[in-house]
Amino acid sequence: MLETVQRPEFRTPIDPLGPIYLLLESEALEDYLRARPGAADQPSAHAEVRDIDYCTFARWVWSGTEYEPYAARGPLLVRCEGRSPLLDVFRNEWAAHDVGLMIRTPAGMDEVLTHLRGILFVELAGDGPARFRLQEPLALASVLRALAPQRAAALLGPLQELVWRENNGPTHQWWRHSQDEAEGASTGFVFTPAELAAIDAGLAERFEQTQVALTEQATHQTYENARLQVLLWMDQLKGWGYLSQGELAAALDVLRHPRFAAESNRLLPVLQDTGQSVAARLTSAQHHLDMQGA
């Protein structure tokens, strides 16, 4: 069962004093640590975890896999007790920076690791294998909403309950997914075409919500209907060749820029110049805006 929650807590703890796992995206955490005042040039996710709670037990998920040489840049699985100060740091700080999720399970560390390593790759029907990044929370709600309960159980195996924060521009939402019957570790999960289509639809919906929220936050301009404005912009941008969500997001940032209206006569020909690559157009437009603000 997937549900939104107001507080980042588990629904029915297996044992209120028992262990909770954190599955952390180490690069995202280290980016956050690096941005703090006085931070070291090369912060370590593992060292930070140990500094906050030396009683934790942590293992690199990629150890023993084909990604072994890059293990310290991949996901870190941390086992901590229910009263660990690490959990409050995760809820109150790290979760706002897409660093991972919390897991409850009766399974031990070795079984959880075996399962996570077994779903490092999944099959996309008709398109072959793809790496699956459970620790990246932005797409997780869309994935789990697309799966029937038994299919979600097959994907998550022994991971009985997940809690994570999804950040959408200036807004965020906490999610919780629970399954009554956890399964053992598994491999070879295959997403069906219908599930992939539902995931894409969910991601598109979340993207639109993020862009609407960002447009509503534009204090220099009041839009009568922010959602309609975003849809009109995206339809226009797609006609000019901006197809990926990354390209659309960057172009929408230009259109929302405080100086865009005053510079539109210069910027619109740049944005719609299909003789240049999308990347070149975006770079040129942003450079022009930066120069005007210098």
C-alpha atoms as a PDB file:
ATOM      1  CA  MET A   1       0.000   0.000   0.000  1.00  0.00           C
ATOM      2  CA  LEU A   2       1.355   3.394  -1.034  1.00  0.00           C
ATOM      3  CA  GLU A   3       0.194   6.441   0.911  1.00  0.00           C
ATOM      4  CA  THR A   4       1.227  10.011   1.614  1.00  0.00           C
ATOM      5  CA  VAL A   5       2.069  10.850   5.220  1.00  0.00           C
ATOM      6  CA  GLN A   6       2.492  14.046   7.197  1.00  0.00           C
ATOM      7  CA  ARG A   7       5.244  12.690   9.416  1.00  0.00           C
ATOM      8  CA  PRO A   8       8.155  10.533   8.252  1.00  0.00           C
ATOM      9  CA  GLU A   9       7.329   7.531  10.402  1.00  0.00           C
ATOM     10  CA  PHE A  10       6.554   3.873   9.887  1.00  0.00           C
ATOM     11  CA  ARG A  11       2.964   2.700  10.161  1.00  0.00           C
ATOM     12  CA  THR A  12       3.269  -0.354  12.396  1.00  0.00           C
ATOM     13  CA  PRO A  13       6.842  -0.855  13.566  1.00  0.00           C
ATOM     14  CA  ILE A  14       7.932  -4.469  13.707  1.00  0.00           C
ATOM     15  CA  ASP A  15       9.697  -3.606  16.951  1.00  0.00           C
ATOM     16  CA  PRO A  16       9.709   0.025  18.165  1.00  0.00           C
ATOM     17  CA  LEU A  17      13.225  -0.494  19.508  1.00  0.00           C
ATOM     18  CA  GLY A  18      14.420  -2.675  16.670  1.00  0.00           C
ATOM     19  CA  PRO A  19      16.649  -1.799  13.713  1.00  0.00           C
ATOM     20  CA  ILE A  20      15.850   0.553  10.873  1.00  0.00           C
ATOM     21  CA  TYR A  21      17.849   0.590   7.669  1.00  0.00           C
ATOM     22  CA  LEU A  22      18.844   3.685   5.737  1.00  0.00           C
ATOM     23  CA  LEU A  23      19.619   3.216   2.068  1.00  0.00           C
ATOM     24  CA  LEU A  24      21.709   6.276   1.204  1.00  0.00           C
ATOM     25  CA  GLU A  25      22.801   7.652  -2.168  1.00  0.00           C
ATOM     26  CA  SER A  26      26.377   8.451  -1.154  1.00  0.00           C
ATOM     27  CA  GLU A  27      27.097  10.941  -3.950  1.00  0.00           C
ATOM     28  CA  ALA A  28      23.957  12.967  -3.145  1.00  0.00           C
ATOM     29  CA  LEU A  29      24.848  12.974   0.554  1.00  0.00           C
ATOM     30  CA  GLU A  30      28.437  14.014  -0.139  1.00  0.00           C
ATOM     31  CA  ASP A  31      27.233  16.825  -2.426  1.00  0.00           C
ATOM     32  CA  TYR A  32      25.106  18.095   0.460  1.00  0.00           C
ATOM     33  CA  LEU A  33      27.983  17.788   2.935  1.00  0.00           C
ATOM     34  CA  ARG A  34      30.341  19.589   0.555  1.00  0.00           C
ATOM     35  CA  ALA A  35      27.952  22.568   0.326  1.00  0.00           C
ATOM     36  CA  ARG A  36      27.911  23.170   4.085  1.00  0.00           C
ATOM     37  CA  PRO A  37      29.991  26.063   5.470  1.00  0.00           C
ATOM     38  CA  GLY A  38      33.506  24.949   6.337  1.00  0.00           C
ATOM     39  CA  ALA A  39      33.055  21.543   4.719  1.00  0.00           C
ATOM     40  CA  ALA A  40      35.973  19.395   3.638  1.00  0.00           C
ATOM     41  CA  ASP A  41      36.759  19.240  -0.072  1.00  0.00           C
ATOM     42  CA  GLN A  42      36.263  15.467  -0.100  1.00  0.00           C
ATOM     43  CA  PRO A  43      33.585  14.564   2.468  1.00  0.00           C
ATOM     44  CA  SER A  44      32.807  10.902   3.112  1.00  0.00           C
ATOM     45  CA  ALA A  45      29.251   9.620   3.483  1.00  0.00           C
ATOM     46  CA  HIS A  46      30.468   6.630   5.493  1.00  0.00           C
ATOM     47  CA  ALA A  47      32.566   8.790   7.822  1.00  0.00           C
ATOM     48  CA  GLU A  48      29.640  11.179   8.370  1.00  0.00           C
ATOM     49  CA  VAL A  49      27.375   8.282   9.320  1.00  0.00           C
ATOM     50  CA  ARG A  50      29.944   7.015  11.824  1.00  0.00           C
ATOM     51  CA  ASP A  51      30.493  10.488  13.283  1.00  0.00           C
ATOM     52  CA  ILE A  52      26.775  10.855  14.012  1.00  0.00           C
ATOM     53  CA  ASP A  53      26.296   7.330  15.390  1.00  0.00           C
ATOM     54  CA  TYR A  54      29.363   5.134  15.789  1.00  0.00           C
ATOM     55  CA  CYS A  55      27.138   2.148  16.700  1.00  0.00           C
ATOM     56  CA  THR A  56      25.768   1.812  13.178  1.00  0.00           C
ATOM     57  CA  PHE A  57      26.722  -1.037  10.871  1.00  0.00           C
ATOM     58  CA  ALA A  58      27.137   0.016   7.239  1.00  0.00           C
ATOM     59  CA  ARG A  59      27.889  -1.890   4.023  1.00  0.00           C
ATOM     60  CA  TRP A  60      28.385  -0.753   0.430  1.00  0.00           C
ATOM     61  CA  VAL A  61      25.680  -2.259  -1.779  1.00  0.00           C
ATOM     62  CA  TRP A  62      27.962  -2.422  -4.820  1.00  0.00           C
ATOM     63  CA  SER A  63      30.642  -4.443  -3.012  1.00  0.00           C
ATOM     64  CA  GLY A  64      31.001  -7.877  -4.575  1.00  0.00           C
ATOM     65  CA  THR A  65      29.262  -6.803  -7.787  1.00  0.00           C
ATOM     66  CA  GLU A  66      30.542  -5.663 -11.169  1.00  0.00           C
ATOM     67  CA  TYR A  67      30.569  -2.153  -9.678  1.00  0.00           C
ATOM     68  CA  GLU A  68      33.067  -3.129  -6.983  1.00  0.00           C
ATOM     69  CA  PRO A  69      35.679  -0.540  -8.114  1.00  0.00           C
ATOM     70  CA  TYR A  70      33.069   2.202  -7.610  1.00  0.00           C
ATOM     71  CA  ALA A  71      31.457   0.840  -4.428  1.00  0.00           C
ATOM     72  CA  ALA A  72      32.182   3.931  -2.329  1.00  0.00           C
ATOM     73  CA  ARG A  73      30.373   6.097  -4.898  1.00  0.00           C
ATOM     74  CA  GLY A  74      27.240   3.947  -4.821  1.00  0.00           C
ATOM     75  CA  PRO A  75      24.464   3.254  -2.313  1.00  0.00           C
ATOM     76  CA  LEU A  76      25.351   2.711   1.347  1.00  0.00           C
ATOM     77  CA  LEU A  77      23.117   0.468   3.479  1.00  0.00           C
ATOM     78  CA  VAL A  78      23.129   1.500   7.140  1.00  0.00           C
ATOM     79  CA  ARG A  79      21.612  -0.502   9.999  1.00  0.00           C
ATOM     80  CA  CYS A  80      20.784   1.595  13.058  1.00  0.00           C
ATOM     81  CA  GLU A  81      18.647   1.196  16.142  1.00  0.00           C
ATOM     82  CA  GLY A  82      15.273   2.914  16.447  1.00  0.00           C
ATOM     83  CA  ARG A  83      16.621   5.594  18.809  1.00  0.00           C
ATOM     84  CA  SER A  84      19.689   6.413  16.724  1.00  0.00           C
ATOM     85  CA  PRO A  85      20.342  10.156  16.264  1.00  0.00           C
ATOM     86  CA  LEU A  86      21.068   9.307  12.637  1.00  0.00           C
ATOM     87  CA  LEU A  87      17.335   8.911  11.965  1.00  0.00           C
ATOM     88  CA  ASP A  88      16.529  12.471  13.040  1.00  0.00           C
ATOM     89  CA  VAL A  89      19.389  13.807  10.921  1.00  0.00           C
ATOM     90  CA  PHE A  90      18.011  11.904   7.953  1.00  0.00           C
ATOM     91  CA  ARG A  91      14.443  13.156   8.488  1.00  0.00           C
ATOM     92  CA  ASN A  92      15.321  16.759   9.278  1.00  0.00           C
ATOM     93  CA  GLU A  93      18.290  17.381   6.966  1.00  0.00           C
ATOM     94  CA  TRP A  94      19.344  14.754   4.491  1.00  0.00           C
ATOM     95  CA  ALA A  95      15.932  13.793   3.102  1.00  0.00           C
ATOM     96  CA  ALA A  96      15.543  17.317   1.699  1.00  0.00           C
ATOM     97  CA  HIS A  97      18.500  16.582  -0.595  1.00  0.00           C
ATOM     98  CA  ASP A  98      17.391  13.300  -2.233  1.00  0.00           C
ATOM     99  CA  VAL A  99      19.829  11.166  -0.274  1.00  0.00           C
ATOM    100  CA  GLY A 100      17.759   7.987   0.054  1.00  0.00           C
ATOM    101  CA  LEU A 101      15.063   6.307   2.135  1.00  0.00           C
ATOM    102  CA  MET A 102      14.270   4.478   5.370  1.00  0.00           C
ATOM    103  CA  ILE A 103      13.468   0.752   5.414  1.00  0.00           C
ATOM    104  CA  ARG A 104      11.833  -1.543   7.977  1.00  0.00           C
ATOM    105  CA  THR A 105      12.233  -5.275   7.564  1.00  0.00           C
ATOM    106  CA  PRO A 106      12.599  -8.361   9.766  1.00  0.00           C
ATOM    107  CA  ALA A 107      15.433  -9.459   7.468  1.00  0.00           C
ATOM    108  CA  GLY A 108      19.057  -9.223   8.477  1.00  0.00           C
ATOM    109  CA  MET A 109      21.721  -7.148   6.774  1.00  0.00           C
ATOM    110  CA  ASP A 110      22.958  -9.983   4.561  1.00  0.00           C
ATOM    111  CA  GLU A 111      19.481 -10.793   3.225  1.00  0.00           C
ATOM    112  CA  VAL A 112      18.718  -7.131   2.537  1.00  0.00           C
ATOM    113  CA  LEU A 113      22.045  -6.721   0.729  1.00  0.00           C
ATOM    114  CA  THR A 114      21.426  -9.850  -1.339  1.00  0.00           C
ATOM    115  CA  HIS A 115      18.082  -8.488  -2.458  1.00  0.00           C
ATOM    116  CA  LEU A 116      19.377  -5.011  -3.261  1.00  0.00           C
ATOM    117  CA  ARG A 117      22.179  -6.506  -5.310  1.00  0.00           C
ATOM    118  CA  GLY A 118      19.673  -8.763  -7.058  1.00  0.00           C
ATOM    119  CA  ILE A 119      17.672  -5.770  -8.312  1.00  0.00           C
ATOM    120  CA  LEU A 120      20.619  -3.614  -9.348  1.00  0.00           C
ATOM    121  CA  PHE A 121      19.344  -4.384 -12.836  1.00  0.00           C
ATOM    122  CA  VAL A 122      15.759  -4.913 -13.958  1.00  0.00           C
ATOM    123  CA  GLU A 123      14.391  -5.777 -17.378  1.00  0.00           C
ATOM    124  CA  LEU A 124      12.370  -3.270 -19.363  1.00  0.00           C
ATOM    125  CA  ALA A 125      10.059  -5.232 -21.636  1.00  0.00           C
ATOM    126  CA  GLY A 126      11.325  -4.853 -25.179  1.00  0.00           C
ATOM    127  CA  ASP A 127      14.288  -2.657 -24.208  1.00  0.00           C
ATOM    128  CA  GLY A 128      16.550  -4.996 -22.267  1.00  0.00           C
ATOM    129  CA  PRO A 129      18.198  -4.415 -18.877  1.00  0.00           C
ATOM    130  CA  ALA A 130      18.380  -1.111 -17.013  1.00  0.00           C
ATOM    131  CA  ARG A 131      19.976  -0.183 -13.709  1.00  0.00           C
ATOM    132  CA  PHE A 132      17.422   0.231 -10.918  1.00  0.00           C
ATOM    133  CA  ARG A 133      18.240   2.852  -8.293  1.00  0.00           C
ATOM    134  CA  LEU A 134      15.898   2.235  -5.354  1.00  0.00           C
ATOM    135  CA  GLN A 135      17.814   4.786  -3.282  1.00  0.00           C
ATOM    136  CA  GLU A 136      16.823   7.669  -5.580  1.00  0.00           C
ATOM    137  CA  PRO A 137      13.457   8.841  -4.209  1.00  0.00           C
ATOM    138  CA  LEU A 138      12.251  11.083  -7.038  1.00  0.00           C
ATOM    139  CA  ALA A 139      10.798   8.274  -9.154  1.00  0.00           C
ATOM    140  CA  LEU A 140       9.890   5.764  -6.443  1.00  0.00           C
ATOM    141  CA  ALA A 141       6.247   6.798  -5.937  1.00  0.00           C
ATOM    142  CA  SER A 142       5.627   6.623  -9.687  1.00  0.00           C
ATOM    143  CA  VAL A 143       7.165   3.147  -9.840  1.00  0.00           C
ATOM    144  CA  LEU A 144       5.190   1.744  -6.913  1.00  0.00           C
ATOM    145  CA  ARG A 145       1.904   3.318  -8.036  1.00  0.00           C
ATOM    146  CA  ALA A 146       2.323   1.542 -11.362  1.00  0.00           C
ATOM    147  CA  LEU A 147       2.662  -1.920  -9.771  1.00  0.00           C
ATOM    148  CA  ALA A 148      -0.070  -4.194  -8.458  1.00  0.00           C
ATOM    149  CA  PRO A 149       0.536  -5.245  -4.801  1.00  0.00           C
ATOM    150  CA  GLN A 150       1.940  -8.657  -5.697  1.00  0.00           C
ATOM    151  CA  ARG A 151       4.215  -7.091  -8.300  1.00  0.00           C
ATOM    152  CA  ALA A 152       5.497  -4.500  -5.812  1.00  0.00           C
ATOM    153  CA  ALA A 153       6.155  -7.339  -3.358  1.00  0.00           C
ATOM    154  CA  ALA A 154       8.157  -9.187  -6.022  1.00  0.00           C
ATOM    155  CA  LEU A 155      10.272  -6.068  -6.632  1.00  0.00           C
ATOM    156  CA  LEU A 156      10.819  -5.173  -2.965  1.00  0.00           C
ATOM    157  CA  GLY A 157      11.246  -8.701  -1.625  1.00  0.00           C
ATOM    158  CA  PRO A 158      11.965  -8.610   2.131  1.00  0.00           C
ATOM    159  CA  LEU A 159      11.702  -4.801   2.356  1.00  0.00           C
ATOM    160  CA  GLN A 160       8.451  -4.663   4.276  1.00  0.00           C
ATOM    161  CA  GLU A 161       8.055  -0.900   4.635  1.00  0.00           C
ATOM    162  CA  LEU A 162       9.674   2.125   2.982  1.00  0.00           C
ATOM    163  CA  VAL A 163       9.486   5.793   3.982  1.00  0.00           C
ATOM    164  CA  TRP A 164      10.949   8.572   1.861  1.00  0.00           C
ATOM    165  CA  ARG A 165      10.635  12.245   0.962  1.00  0.00           C
ATOM    166  CA  GLU A 166       9.962  13.298  -2.618  1.00  0.00           C
ATOM    167  CA  ASN A 167      11.180  16.831  -3.372  1.00  0.00           C
ATOM    168  CA  ASN A 168       9.356  18.754  -6.094  1.00  0.00           C
ATOM    169  CA  GLY A 169      10.956  22.137  -6.585  1.00  0.00           C
ATOM    170  CA  PRO A 170       9.803  24.345  -3.679  1.00  0.00           C
ATOM    171  CA  THR A 171       7.403  21.667  -2.384  1.00  0.00           C
ATOM    172  CA  HIS A 172       7.833  18.167  -0.982  1.00  0.00           C
ATOM    173  CA  GLN A 173       5.818  15.130   0.057  1.00  0.00           C
ATOM    174  CA  TRP A 174       6.575  12.248   2.416  1.00  0.00           C
ATOM    175  CA  TRP A 175       5.535   8.799   1.190  1.00  0.00           C
ATOM    176  CA  ARG A 176       5.154   5.422   2.878  1.00  0.00           C
ATOM    177  CA  HIS A 177       4.819   2.059   1.167  1.00  0.00           C
ATOM    178  CA  SER A 178       3.885  -1.029   3.193  1.00  0.00           C
ATOM    179  CA  GLN A 179       3.370  -4.647   2.235  1.00  0.00           C
ATOM    180  CA  ASP A 180       1.806  -7.217   4.525  1.00  0.00           C
ATOM    181  CA  GLU A 181       3.702 -10.206   3.213  1.00  0.00           C
ATOM    182  CA  ALA A 182       7.370  -9.603   2.497  1.00  0.00           C
ATOM    183  CA  GLU A 183       9.050 -12.003   0.097  1.00  0.00           C
ATOM    184  CA  GLY A 184      12.557 -13.391   0.053  1.00  0.00           C
ATOM    185  CA  ALA A 185      15.373 -11.926  -2.030  1.00  0.00           C
ATOM    186  CA  SER A 186      14.774 -12.192  -5.769  1.00  0.00           C
ATOM    187  CA  THR A 187      16.389 -11.343  -9.082  1.00  0.00           C
ATOM    188  CA  GLY A 188      15.321 -10.826 -12.672  1.00  0.00           C
ATOM    189  CA  PHE A 189      12.379  -8.461 -12.204  1.00  0.00           C
ATOM    190  CA  VAL A 190      10.771  -7.556 -15.550  1.00  0.00           C
ATOM    191  CA  PHE A 191       8.616  -4.441 -15.972  1.00  0.00           C
ATOM    192  CA  THR A 192       5.728  -4.972 -18.403  1.00  0.00           C
ATOM    193  CA  PRO A 193       4.900  -2.437 -21.159  1.00  0.00           C
ATOM    194  CA  ALA A 194       1.772  -1.363 -19.269  1.00  0.00           C
ATOM    195  CA  GLU A 195       3.774  -0.783 -16.084  1.00  0.00           C
ATOM    196  CA  LEU A 196       6.398   1.225 -17.949  1.00  0.00           C
ATOM    197  CA  ALA A 197       3.692   3.390 -19.521  1.00  0.00           C
ATOM    198  CA  ALA A 198       2.145   4.001 -16.097  1.00  0.00           C
ATOM    199  CA  ILE A 199       5.561   4.923 -14.641  1.00  0.00           C
ATOM    200  CA  ASP A 200       6.162   7.409 -17.466  1.00  0.00           C
ATOM    201  CA  ALA A 201       2.731   8.941 -16.865  1.00  0.00           C
ATOM    202  CA  GLY A 202       3.466   9.269 -13.159  1.00  0.00           C
ATOM    203  CA  LEU A 203       6.842  10.899 -13.787  1.00  0.00           C
ATOM    204  CA  ALA A 204       5.258  13.339 -16.235  1.00  0.00           C
ATOM    205  CA  GLU A 205       2.622  14.249 -13.642  1.00  0.00           C
ATOM    206  CA  ARG A 206       5.265  14.845 -10.955  1.00  0.00           C
ATOM    207  CA  PHE A 207       7.337  16.919 -13.384  1.00  0.00           C
ATOM    208  CA  GLU A 208       4.326  19.079 -14.211  1.00  0.00           C
ATOM    209  CA  GLN A 209       3.553  19.571 -10.516  1.00  0.00           C
ATOM    210  CA  THR A 210       7.122  20.678  -9.871  1.00  0.00           C
ATOM    211  CA  GLN A 211       7.087  23.173 -12.725  1.00  0.00           C
ATOM    212  CA  VAL A 212       3.727  24.591 -11.644  1.00  0.00           C
ATOM    213  CA  ALA A 213       5.024  25.032  -8.086  1.00  0.00           C
ATOM    214  CA  LEU A 214       8.132  26.817  -9.380  1.00  0.00           C
ATOM    215  CA  THR A 215       5.977  29.075 -11.554  1.00  0.00           C
ATOM    216  CA  GLU A 216       3.725  29.926  -8.610  1.00  0.00           C
ATOM    217  CA  GLN A 217       6.842  30.906  -6.662  1.00  0.00           C
ATOM    218  CA  ALA A 218       7.935  33.434  -9.322  1.00  0.00           C
ATOM    219  CA  THR A 219       7.487  36.624  -7.306  1.00  0.00           C
ATOM    220  CA  HIS A 220       8.348  38.967 -10.193  1.00  0.00           C
ATOM    221  CA  GLN A 221       5.368  37.795 -12.248  1.00  0.00           C
ATOM    222  CA  THR A 222       1.856  36.739 -11.275  1.00  0.00           C
ATOM    223  CA  TYR A 223       0.365  34.195 -13.648  1.00  0.00           C
ATOM    224  CA  GLU A 224      -3.431  34.010 -13.782  1.00  0.00           C
ATOM    225  CA  ASN A 225      -3.272  30.220 -14.034  1.00  0.00           C
ATOM    226  CA  ALA A 226       0.182  28.781 -13.370  1.00  0.00           C
ATOM    227  CA  ARG A 227      -0.718  25.274 -14.531  1.00  0.00           C
ATOM    228  CA  LEU A 228      -2.171  26.505 -17.820  1.00  0.00           C
ATOM    229  CA  GLN A 229       0.881  28.718 -18.341  1.00  0.00           C
ATOM    230  CA  VAL A 230       3.235  25.776 -17.820  1.00  0.00           C
ATOM    231  CA  LEU A 231       1.262  23.567 -20.215  1.00  0.00           C
ATOM    232  CA  LEU A 232       1.310  26.287 -22.878  1.00  0.00           C
ATOM    233  CA  TRP A 233       5.047  26.789 -22.439  1.00  0.00           C
ATOM    234  CA  MET A 234       5.787  23.068 -22.632  1.00  0.00           C
ATOM    235  CA  ASP A 235       3.674  22.614 -25.748  1.00  0.00           C
ATOM    236  CA  GLN A 236       5.566  25.460 -27.414  1.00  0.00           C
ATOM    237  CA  LEU A 237       8.967  24.181 -26.279  1.00  0.00           C
ATOM    238  CA  LYS A 238       8.284  20.655 -27.516  1.00  0.00           C
ATOM    239  CA  GLY A 239       7.491  22.132 -30.919  1.00  0.00           C
ATOM    240  CA  TRP A 240      10.968  23.701 -30.857  1.00  0.00           C
ATOM    241  CA  GLY A 241      12.646  20.388 -30.046  1.00  0.00           C
ATOM    242  CA  TYR A 242      12.882  20.438 -26.248  1.00  0.00           C
ATOM    243  CA  LEU A 243      11.860  16.864 -25.541  1.00  0.00           C
ATOM    244  CA  SER A 244      13.504  15.512 -22.383  1.00  0.00           C
ATOM    245  CA  GLN A 245      12.421  16.632 -18.921  1.00  0.00           C
ATOM    246  CA  GLY A 246      15.901  18.048 -18.329  1.00  0.00           C
ATOM    247  CA  GLU A 247      15.699  20.185 -21.468  1.00  0.00           C
ATOM    248  CA  LEU A 248      12.187  21.342 -20.648  1.00  0.00           C
ATOM    249  CA  ALA A 249      13.125  22.206 -17.061  1.00  0.00           C
ATOM    250  CA  ALA A 250      16.106  24.305 -18.195  1.00  0.00           C
ATOM    251  CA  ALA A 251      14.044  26.114 -20.826  1.00  0.00           C
ATOM    252  CA  LEU A 252      11.233  26.793 -18.358  1.00  0.00           C
ATOM    253  CA  ASP A 253      13.794  28.318 -15.993  1.00  0.00           C
ATOM    254  CA  VAL A 254      14.676  30.742 -18.798  1.00  0.00           C
ATOM    255  CA  LEU A 255      11.032  31.606 -19.456  1.00  0.00           C
ATOM    256  CA  ARG A 256      10.418  32.231 -15.742  1.00  0.00           C
ATOM    257  CA  HIS A 257      13.542  34.334 -15.331  1.00  0.00           C
ATOM    258  CA  PRO A 258      12.918  37.848 -13.903  1.00  0.00           C
ATOM    259  CA  ARG A 259      14.665  39.427 -16.897  1.00  0.00           C
ATOM    260  CA  PHE A 260      13.014  37.297 -19.582  1.00  0.00           C
ATOM    261  CA  ALA A 261      10.174  39.727 -20.406  1.00  0.00           C
ATOM    262  CA  ALA A 262      12.573  42.621 -20.973  1.00  0.00           C
ATOM    263  CA  GLU A 263      14.887  40.461 -23.095  1.00  0.00           C
ATOM    264  CA  SER A 264      12.275  38.365 -24.925  1.00  0.00           C
ATOM    265  CA  ASN A 265      12.990  39.943 -28.324  1.00  0.00           C
ATOM    266  CA  ARG A 266      16.559  38.640 -28.048  1.00  0.00           C
ATOM    267  CA  LEU A 267      15.853  35.356 -26.277  1.00  0.00           C
ATOM    268  CA  LEU A 268      12.897  33.938 -28.202  1.00  0.00           C
ATOM    269  CA  PRO A 269      14.823  33.711 -31.528  1.00  0.00           C
ATOM    270  CA  VAL A 270      17.606  31.911 -29.644  1.00  0.00           C
ATOM    271  CA  LEU A 271      15.272  29.416 -27.964  1.00  0.00           C
ATOM    272  CA  GLN A 272      13.506  28.500 -31.206  1.00  0.00           C
ATOM    273  CA  ASP A 273      16.596  28.356 -33.459  1.00  0.00           C
ATOM    274  CA  THR A 274      16.360  24.716 -34.547  1.00  0.00           C
ATOM    275  CA  GLY A 275      19.569  25.175 -36.515  1.00  0.00           C
ATOM    276  CA  GLN A 276      21.393  24.834 -33.189  1.00  0.00           C
ATOM    277  CA  SER A 277      21.304  21.990 -30.699  1.00  0.00           C
ATOM    278  CA  VAL A 278      19.005  22.358 -27.706  1.00  0.00           C
ATOM    279  CA  ALA A 279      22.038  22.448 -25.406  1.00  0.00           C
ATOM    280  CA  ALA A 280      23.620  25.285 -27.412  1.00  0.00           C
ATOM    281  CA  ARG A 281      20.394  27.288 -27.348  1.00  0.00           C
ATOM    282  CA  LEU A 282      20.001  26.911 -23.605  1.00  0.00           C
ATOM    283  CA  THR A 283      23.627  27.855 -22.975  1.00  0.00           C
ATOM    284  CA  SER A 284      23.319  30.939 -25.166  1.00  0.00           C
ATOM    285  CA  ALA A 285      20.058  32.070 -23.537  1.00  0.00           C
ATOM    286  CA  GLN A 286      21.371  31.599 -20.003  1.00  0.00           C
ATOM    287  CA  HIS A 287      24.618  33.387 -20.881  1.00  0.00           C
ATOM    288  CA  HIS A 288      22.639  36.358 -22.205  1.00  0.00           C
ATOM    289  CA  LEU A 289      20.586  36.531 -19.005  1.00  0.00           C
ATOM    290  CA  ASP A 290      23.723  36.299 -16.870  1.00  0.00           C
ATOM    291  CA  MET A 291      25.381  39.092 -18.806  1.00  0.00           C
ATOM    292  CA  GLN A 292      22.342  41.327 -18.398  1.00  0.00           C
ATOM    293  CA  GLY A 293      22.404  40.794 -14.678  1.00  0.00           C
ATOM    294  CA  ALA A 294      26.138  41.394 -14.303  1.00  0.00           C
END
